[in-house]
Amino acid sequence: MVVFKRVAVVFLVIVLALAVTAEIVLPAIVSRGVRNALASSGFGCPDQFQVRLKSFPSVRMLLGHFDKVTVDLARFSLPLEGKEVI
């Protein structure tokens, strides 16, 4: 019985450590992916803007659910040649 309690405590500590690590690491990883996707969609170089994502718990980000999305653009221009601007 004592061995089972120790195994359960070790398991809970590992799960808690993984959850805390995910809360810290996942936003940065997903933000980088969104920034690179925006850059490849024609929004310029990835250094021209910064993406900040917030979601709690952060694991929801992997499913595309965000509480807050912020995109800061340093410079942005749209090529408007041959397009009508209303």
Foldseek 3Di string as FASTA:
>chain_A
DVVVVVVVVVVVVVVVVVQVVCQVPVQVVVQVVVLVVCCVVPFNDSVQKGKGFADVVSVVVVVVDTPDIDIGGNDGDDDQVPHDDD
